[in-house]
């Protein structure tokens, strides 16, 4: 049975702290799901689609050597 991790946040924008957590997590789990949440009462700086693109760009290099 695979170990699946879940990391959620607003990632508005993604920070070095976020990428550090992701880098550590991918060494501990078989798959990591990143969930972009909505914080009630907070007006986001970036649209969800923009945050997804930023996350993909940041983690592409981290995951290059992982399945």
Protein backbone atom coordinates (compact mmCIF):
# COMPACT_ATOMS: atom_id res chain seq x y z
CA UNK A 1 0.00 0.00 0.00
CA UNK A 2 1.54 3.34 -1.03
CA UNK A 3 2.13 6.14 1.44
CA UNK A 4 0.38 9.28 0.24
CA UNK A 5 1.02 12.68 1.80
CA UNK A 6 -1.21 15.74 1.66
CA UNK A 7 0.06 19.29 2.01
CA UNK A 8 -2.49 22.08 1.96
CA UNK A 9 -2.21 25.82 2.10
CA UNK A 10 -3.17 28.99 0.33
CA UNK A 11 0.28 29.27 -1.32
CA UNK A 12 -0.45 32.92 -2.05
CA UNK A 13 2.36 33.06 -3.14
CA UNK A 14 4.45 29.92 -2.69
CA UNK A 15 7.51 30.64 -0.52
CA UNK A 16 10.87 29.04 0.16
CA UNK A 17 9.34 27.64 3.33
CA UNK A 18 6.66 25.89 1.30
CA UNK A 19 9.21 24.42 -1.11
CA UNK A 20 11.33 23.26 1.83
CA UNK A 21 8.37 21.35 3.27
CA UNK A 22 7.64 19.85 -0.15
CA UNK A 23 11.28 18.80 -0.64
CA UNK A 24 11.29 17.05 2.73
CA UNK A 25 7.89 15.44 2.22
CA UNK A 26 8.69 13.86 -1.15
CA UNK A 27 11.47 11.87 0.52
CA UNK A 28 8.98 10.41 3.02
CA UNK A 29 5.99 9.47 0.84
CA UNK A 30 5.34 7.68 -2.44
CA UNK A 31 3.07 10.49 -3.66
CA UNK A 32 2.41 14.00 -2.42
CA UNK A 33 -0.86 15.77 -3.11
CA UNK A 34 -0.72 19.55 -2.83
CA UNK A 35 -4.06 21.19 -2.11
CA UNK A 36 -4.64 24.88 -2.67
CA UNK A 37 -7.12 26.17 -0.14
CA UNK A 38 -9.25 29.25 0.20
CA UNK A 39 -9.08 31.31 3.37
CA UNK A 40 -12.39 32.95 4.23
CA UNK A 41 -12.11 36.69 4.58
CA UNK A 42 -8.79 36.89 2.75
CA UNK A 43 -8.64 38.45 -0.70
CA UNK A 44 -6.05 36.40 -2.62
CA UNK A 45 -3.11 38.11 -4.26
CA UNK A 46 -3.10 35.55 -7.10
CA UNK A 47 -5.87 33.56 -8.80
CA UNK A 48 -5.93 29.80 -8.16
CA UNK A 49 -4.73 29.03 -11.70
CA UNK A 50 -1.75 31.36 -11.17
CA UNK A 51 -0.89 29.69 -7.87
CA UNK A 52 -1.07 26.27 -9.52
CA UNK A 53 1.37 27.44 -12.21
CA UNK A 54 3.73 28.85 -9.56
CA UNK A 55 3.67 25.62 -7.56
CA UNK A 56 4.27 23.51 -10.66
CA UNK A 57 7.23 25.69 -11.64
CA UNK A 58 8.77 25.56 -8.17
CA UNK A 59 8.42 21.81 -7.64
CA UNK A 60 9.35 20.71 -11.18
CA UNK A 61 13.05 20.67 -10.30
CA UNK A 62 12.43 19.06 -6.90
CA UNK A 63 10.51 16.20 -8.44
CA UNK A 64 12.76 15.66 -11.48
CA UNK A 65 14.50 12.74 -9.76
CA UNK A 66 11.36 11.22 -8.23
CA UNK A 67 8.72 9.02 -9.80
